[in-house]
Amino acid sequence: MSIGIIVLIVLNKKQYRNYIVKWGYMDFIFYDYYMKRKELITRK
């Protein structure tokens, strides 16, 4: 439910899709978690 992730998908659709295909679903979850954590740190 992270807006940043949605924006990333919209802006970098091809690159993002390639990332998911290359590194697989587990790394996608880790990337999503990392971005959420980064957003929380940035807000504070």
N, C-alpha and C. Protein backbone atom coordinates (compact mmCIF):
# COMPACT_ATOMS: atom_id res chain seq x y z
N MET A 1 0.84 -1.21 0.00
CA MET A 1 0.00 0.00 0.00
C MET A 1 0.87 1.25 0.00
N SER A 2 2.00 1.18 -0.65
CA SER A 2 2.92 2.31 -0.66
C SER A 2 2.77 3.09 -1.97
N ILE A 3 2.52 4.38 -1.85
CA ILE A 3 2.33 5.22 -3.04
C ILE A 3 3.62 5.26 -3.86
N GLY A 4 4.76 5.29 -3.19
CA GLY A 4 6.05 5.34 -3.87
C GLY A 4 6.25 4.17 -4.81
N ILE A 5 5.81 2.98 -4.37
CA ILE A 5 5.94 1.78 -5.20
C ILE A 5 5.08 1.91 -6.45
N ILE A 6 3.86 2.42 -6.28
CA ILE A 6 2.95 2.58 -7.42
C ILE A 6 3.55 3.57 -8.42
N VAL A 7 4.09 4.67 -7.91
CA VAL A 7 4.72 5.67 -8.78
C VAL A 7 5.89 5.06 -9.54
N LEU A 8 6.70 4.27 -8.82
CA LEU A 8 7.85 3.61 -9.45
C LEU A 8 7.39 2.71 -10.59
N ILE A 9 6.32 1.94 -10.34
CA ILE A 9 5.81 1.02 -11.37
C ILE A 9 5.34 1.81 -12.59
N VAL A 10 4.65 2.91 -12.35
CA VAL A 10 4.11 3.70 -13.46
C VAL A 10 5.24 4.34 -14.27
N LEU A 11 6.25 4.88 -13.57
CA LEU A 11 7.32 5.60 -14.26
C LEU A 11 8.28 4.64 -14.95
N ASN A 12 8.58 3.53 -14.30
CA ASN A 12 9.62 2.62 -14.81
C ASN A 12 9.02 1.25 -15.11
N LYS A 13 7.90 1.23 -15.83
CA LYS A 13 7.18 -0.03 -16.03
C LYS A 13 8.07 -1.11 -16.62
N LYS A 14 8.78 -0.80 -17.69
CA LYS A 14 9.61 -1.81 -18.36
C LYS A 14 10.76 -2.24 -17.46
N GLN A 15 11.48 -1.28 -16.88
CA GLN A 15 12.61 -1.60 -16.02
C GLN A 15 12.14 -2.40 -14.81
N TYR A 16 11.01 -1.99 -14.23
CA TYR A 16 10.48 -2.66 -13.04
C TYR A 16 10.11 -4.10 -13.35
N ARG A 17 9.49 -4.29 -14.53
CA ARG A 17 9.11 -5.64 -14.95
C ARG A 17 10.35 -6.50 -15.15
N ASN A 18 11.38 -5.93 -15.77
CA ASN A 18 12.63 -6.66 -15.97
C ASN A 18 13.25 -7.04 -14.63
N TYR A 19 13.16 -6.13 -13.66
CA TYR A 19 13.70 -6.39 -12.32
C TYR A 19 13.01 -7.60 -11.70
N ILE A 20 11.68 -7.63 -11.79
CA ILE A 20 10.91 -8.74 -11.20
C ILE A 20 11.27 -10.06 -11.89
N VAL A 21 11.38 -10.02 -13.23
CA VAL A 21 11.70 -11.24 -13.98
C VAL A 21 13.11 -11.72 -13.63
N LYS A 22 14.06 -10.77 -13.54
CA LYS A 22 15.46 -11.13 -13.31
C LYS A 22 15.67 -11.71 -11.91
N TRP A 23 15.22 -11.00 -10.91
CA TRP A 23 15.61 -11.34 -9.53
C TRP A 23 14.54 -12.13 -8.79
N GLY A 24 13.35 -12.22 -9.35
CA GLY A 24 12.33 -13.06 -8.75
C GLY A 24 11.51 -12.36 -7.67
N TYR A 25 10.50 -13.09 -7.20
CA TYR A 25 9.49 -12.51 -6.33
C TYR A 25 10.05 -12.18 -4.94
N MET A 26 10.94 -13.01 -4.41
CA MET A 26 11.49 -12.78 -3.07
C MET A 26 12.23 -11.45 -3.00
N ASP A 27 13.04 -11.16 -4.01
CA ASP A 27 13.75 -9.89 -4.04
C ASP A 27 12.78 -8.74 -4.24
N PHE A 28 11.68 -8.97 -4.95
CA PHE A 28 10.66 -7.94 -5.11
C PHE A 28 10.06 -7.57 -3.76
N ILE A 29 9.78 -8.57 -2.93
CA ILE A 29 9.26 -8.32 -1.59
C ILE A 29 10.28 -7.53 -0.77
N PHE A 30 11.55 -7.92 -0.85
CA PHE A 30 12.61 -7.22 -0.12
C PHE A 30 12.72 -5.78 -0.59
N TYR A 31 12.64 -5.55 -1.89
CA TYR A 31 12.73 -4.21 -2.46
C TYR A 31 11.56 -3.35 -1.98
N ASP A 32 10.35 -3.93 -1.98
CA ASP A 32 9.16 -3.24 -1.50
C ASP A 32 9.33 -2.86 -0.04
N TYR A 33 9.83 -3.80 0.77
CA TYR A 33 10.06 -3.56 2.20
C TYR A 33 11.10 -2.46 2.39
N TYR A 34 12.17 -2.50 1.62
CA TYR A 34 13.25 -1.51 1.71
C TYR A 34 12.73 -0.11 1.37
N MET A 35 11.92 -0.01 0.32
CA MET A 35 11.39 1.29 -0.09
C MET A 35 10.45 1.85 0.97
N LYS A 36 9.61 0.99 1.56
CA LYS A 36 8.72 1.45 2.63
C LYS A 36 9.52 1.96 3.81
N ARG A 37 10.57 1.22 4.18
CA ARG A 37 11.43 1.61 5.29
C ARG A 37 12.11 2.94 4.98
N LYS A 38 12.56 3.10 3.75
CA LYS A 38 13.22 4.33 3.32
C LYS A 38 12.25 5.51 3.44
N GLU A 39 11.00 5.31 3.03
CA GLU A 39 9.99 6.37 3.12
C GLU A 39 9.75 6.77 4.56
N LEU A 40 9.66 5.78 5.46
CA LEU A 40 9.42 6.06 6.87
C LEU A 40 10.58 6.87 7.45
N ILE A 41 11.80 6.49 7.10
CA ILE A 41 12.98 7.21 7.60
C ILE A 41 13.00 8.64 7.04
N THR A 42 12.63 8.78 5.77
CA THR A 42 12.65 10.10 5.13
C THR A 42 11.61 11.02 5.76
N ARG A 43 10.45 10.49 6.10
CA ARG A 43 9.39 11.31 6.71
C ARG A 43 9.83 11.86 8.06
N LYS A 44 10.53 11.02 8.84
CA LYS A 44 11.01 11.48 10.16
C LYS A 44 12.19 12.42 9.95
